[in-house]
């Protein structure tokens, strides 16, 4: 069977909107993001309308899409937390792009952290520094970095994990030496 028409899709959206929002909320999504996830589920459903079998339950199909979106968000969040705590990733991304005149906007702790990061980055071996720059400044994926450096993606991920840990320890030490709580 073919998928529903645009007109029946609109009717289905009206019918399932409140239920989908409640379902998304029940998955533990923060209230401020419930509408975004629900809207994204409706967009994906519309884009895949031709894949929907009209003999199936449209609401169940939408909930499946929303569930997958939430799972993907949790995975992304877990990856972000795995990268480094305390927003270090944000600092890494901005390491080379924060002009000195903007450093004062970061506050004393932020400025100390940025200074420690810059110093620790300069002390890294060249290959480690290149890995960090490729991943966080150029936003390359592990497979892309692996191809360029003739490594396997798991080896790149492990090397990045080790370099991040070395950076964290180095920064903590530099900040303690400077009298700032890491």
Protein backbone atom coordinates (compact mmCIF):
# COMPACT_ATOMS: atom_id res chain seq x y z
CA UNK A 1 0.00 0.00 0.00
CA UNK A 2 1.09 3.55 -0.53
CA UNK A 3 1.59 6.08 2.23
CA UNK A 4 -0.97 8.64 3.32
CA UNK A 5 -1.63 11.82 1.37
CA UNK A 6 -0.50 15.21 2.60
CA UNK A 7 -4.08 15.93 3.67
CA UNK A 8 -4.39 12.76 5.74
CA UNK A 9 -0.92 13.43 7.15
CA UNK A 10 -2.10 16.81 8.48
CA UNK A 11 -5.10 15.10 10.07
CA UNK A 12 -2.77 12.51 11.64
CA UNK A 13 -0.51 15.26 13.00
CA UNK A 14 -3.50 16.95 14.62
CA UNK A 15 -4.66 13.63 16.06
CA UNK A 16 -1.28 12.56 17.46
CA UNK A 17 0.39 15.87 18.40
CA UNK A 18 -0.53 15.91 22.11
CA UNK A 19 0.10 12.19 22.52
CA UNK A 20 3.53 12.41 20.88
CA UNK A 21 4.52 15.32 23.13
CA UNK A 22 3.41 13.33 26.19
CA UNK A 23 5.37 10.30 24.95
CA UNK A 24 8.53 12.38 24.41
CA UNK A 25 8.11 13.89 27.89
CA UNK A 26 7.74 10.38 29.35
CA UNK A 27 11.15 9.46 27.91
CA UNK A 28 12.77 11.97 30.26
CA UNK A 29 13.34 14.75 27.76
CA UNK A 30 13.75 18.14 29.42
CA UNK A 31 10.53 20.16 29.05
CA UNK A 32 12.21 22.88 27.00
CA UNK A 33 13.18 20.29 24.34
CA UNK A 34 9.94 18.29 24.12
CA UNK A 35 8.46 20.40 21.31
CA UNK A 36 11.72 20.29 19.34
CA UNK A 37 11.91 16.50 19.47
CA UNK A 38 8.22 16.13 18.61
CA UNK A 39 8.55 18.57 15.72
CA UNK A 40 11.62 16.77 14.42
CA UNK A 41 9.71 13.47 14.59
CA UNK A 42 6.88 14.97 12.53
CA UNK A 43 9.37 16.33 9.97
CA UNK A 44 11.08 12.95 9.63
CA UNK A 45 7.68 11.26 9.33
CA UNK A 46 6.69 13.67 6.57
CA UNK A 47 9.98 13.11 4.73
CA UNK A 48 9.45 9.34 4.95
CA UNK A 49 5.72 9.38 4.31
CA UNK A 50 6.02 7.10 1.30
CA UNK A 51 7.60 4.44 3.56
CA UNK A 52 4.61 4.34 5.92
CA UNK A 53 2.18 1.44 5.50
CA UNK A 54 -1.33 2.82 6.05
CA UNK A 55 -2.34 -0.48 7.64
CA UNK A 56 0.03 0.25 10.54
CA UNK A 57 -0.68 2.57 13.47
CA UNK A 58 0.56 6.06 12.58
CA UNK A 59 0.94 6.99 16.27
CA UNK A 60 3.13 3.97 16.96
CA UNK A 61 5.25 4.84 13.92
CA UNK A 62 5.68 8.43 15.19
CA UNK A 63 6.58 7.21 18.67
CA UNK A 64 9.22 4.93 17.15
CA UNK A 65 10.73 7.87 15.28
CA UNK A 66 10.68 10.01 18.44
CA UNK A 67 12.19 7.19 20.51
CA UNK A 68 15.06 6.90 17.99
CA UNK A 69 15.61 10.67 18.12
CA UNK A 70 15.85 10.55 21.92
CA UNK A 71 18.24 7.58 21.76
CA UNK A 72 20.42 9.47 19.28
CA UNK A 73 20.44 12.55 21.52
CA UNK A 74 21.46 10.43 24.50
CA UNK A 75 24.30 8.92 22.46
CA UNK A 76 25.46 12.37 21.37
CA UNK A 77 25.27 13.57 24.96
CA UNK A 78 27.22 10.52 26.16
CA UNK A 79 29.90 11.18 23.54
CA UNK A 80 30.12 14.80 24.62
CA UNK A 81 30.51 13.76 28.26
CA UNK A 82 33.08 11.17 27.26
CA UNK A 83 35.13 13.83 25.51
CA UNK A 84 35.94 15.95 28.56
CA UNK A 85 34.15 17.45 31.50
CA UNK A 86 33.83 21.09 32.46
CA UNK A 87 33.23 22.37 28.94
CA UNK A 88 36.85 21.71 28.02
CA UNK A 89 35.70 20.69 24.57
CA UNK A 90 34.30 24.18 23.99
CA UNK A 91 37.61 25.65 25.05
CA UNK A 92 39.49 23.24 22.79
CA UNK A 93 37.40 24.25 19.82
CA UNK A 94 38.04 27.91 20.56
CA UNK A 95 41.70 27.59 21.56
CA UNK A 96 43.08 29.23 18.49
CA UNK A 97 40.12 31.48 17.85
CA UNK A 98 39.81 33.48 21.09
CA UNK A 99 41.56 36.82 20.67
CA UNK A 100 43.32 38.02 23.79
CA UNK A 101 40.93 40.98 24.12
CA UNK A 102 38.00 38.55 24.42
CA UNK A 103 39.69 36.46 27.14
CA UNK A 104 38.56 38.87 29.85
CA UNK A 105 34.93 37.93 29.04
CA UNK A 106 35.72 34.39 30.21
CA UNK A 107 36.40 35.50 33.78
CA UNK A 108 39.47 34.70 35.88
CA UNK A 109 38.85 30.95 36.03
CA UNK A 110 38.06 30.74 32.32
CA UNK A 111 41.10 32.79 31.42
CA UNK A 112 43.31 30.63 33.66
CA UNK A 113 41.85 27.51 32.09
CA UNK A 114 42.43 28.84 28.59
CA UNK A 115 46.02 29.83 29.45
CA UNK A 116 46.64 26.38 30.94
CA UNK A 117 45.17 24.75 27.85
CA UNK A 118 47.34 26.80 25.51
CA UNK A 119 50.45 25.98 27.51
CA UNK A 120 49.58 22.28 27.71
CA UNK A 121 48.79 22.18 23.99
CA UNK A 122 52.19 23.69 23.20
CA UNK A 123 53.86 21.00 25.32
CA UNK A 124 52.16 18.13 23.49
CA UNK A 125 54.11 16.04 20.99
CA UNK A 126 53.41 17.19 17.42
CA UNK A 127 51.30 14.13 16.51
CA UNK A 128 49.12 14.54 19.62
CA UNK A 129 48.64 18.24 18.90
CA UNK A 130 47.73 17.42 15.29
CA UNK A 131 45.13 14.90 16.47
CA UNK A 132 43.49 17.42 18.81
CA UNK A 133 43.51 20.16 16.19
CA UNK A 134 42.06 17.85 13.52
CA UNK A 135 39.26 16.71 15.81
CA UNK A 136 38.33 19.95 17.58
CA UNK A 137 39.48 22.83 15.41
CA UNK A 138 38.86 21.28 12.00
CA UNK A 139 35.98 19.13 13.34
CA UNK A 140 37.17 16.04 11.44
CA UNK A 141 35.70 12.66 12.31
CA UNK A 142 37.82 9.78 13.60
CA UNK A 143 37.50 7.90 10.26
CA UNK A 144 38.64 11.01 8.34
CA UNK A 145 41.60 11.50 10.65
CA UNK A 146 42.41 7.78 10.42
CA UNK A 147 42.45 7.92 6.61
CA UNK A 148 44.70 10.95 6.55
CA UNK A 149 47.12 9.63 9.18
CA UNK A 150 47.00 6.02 7.97
CA UNK A 151 45.53 4.75 11.22
CA UNK A 152 42.43 2.77 12.09
CA UNK A 153 39.45 4.75 13.51
CA UNK A 154 39.52 2.89 16.87
CA UNK A 155 43.22 3.75 17.19
CA UNK A 156 42.43 7.42 16.54
CA UNK A 157 39.67 7.39 19.16
CA UNK A 158 41.97 5.73 21.71
CA UNK A 159 44.80 8.16 20.95
CA UNK A 160 42.40 11.10 21.33
CA UNK A 161 41.19 9.67 24.64
CA UNK A 162 44.78 9.47 25.90
CA UNK A 163 45.66 12.98 24.70
CA UNK A 164 42.51 14.44 26.26
CA UNK A 165 43.35 12.76 29.57
CA UNK A 166 46.94 14.06 29.38
CA UNK A 167 45.60 17.56 28.63
CA UNK A 168 43.17 17.40 31.53
CA UNK A 169 45.92 16.34 33.97
CA UNK A 170 48.32 18.95 32.62
CA UNK A 171 45.68 21.68 32.89
CA UNK A 172 44.72 20.67 36.43
CA UNK A 173 48.38 20.87 37.45
CA UNK A 174 48.94 24.25 35.75
CA UNK A 175 45.81 25.70 37.35
CA UNK A 176 46.77 24.39 40.80
CA UNK A 177 50.23 25.90 40.36
CA UNK A 178 48.57 29.21 39.42
CA UNK A 179 46.40 28.98 42.56
CA UNK A 180 43.16 28.41 40.65
CA UNK A 181 40.81 25.54 41.46
CA UNK A 182 40.63 23.27 38.40
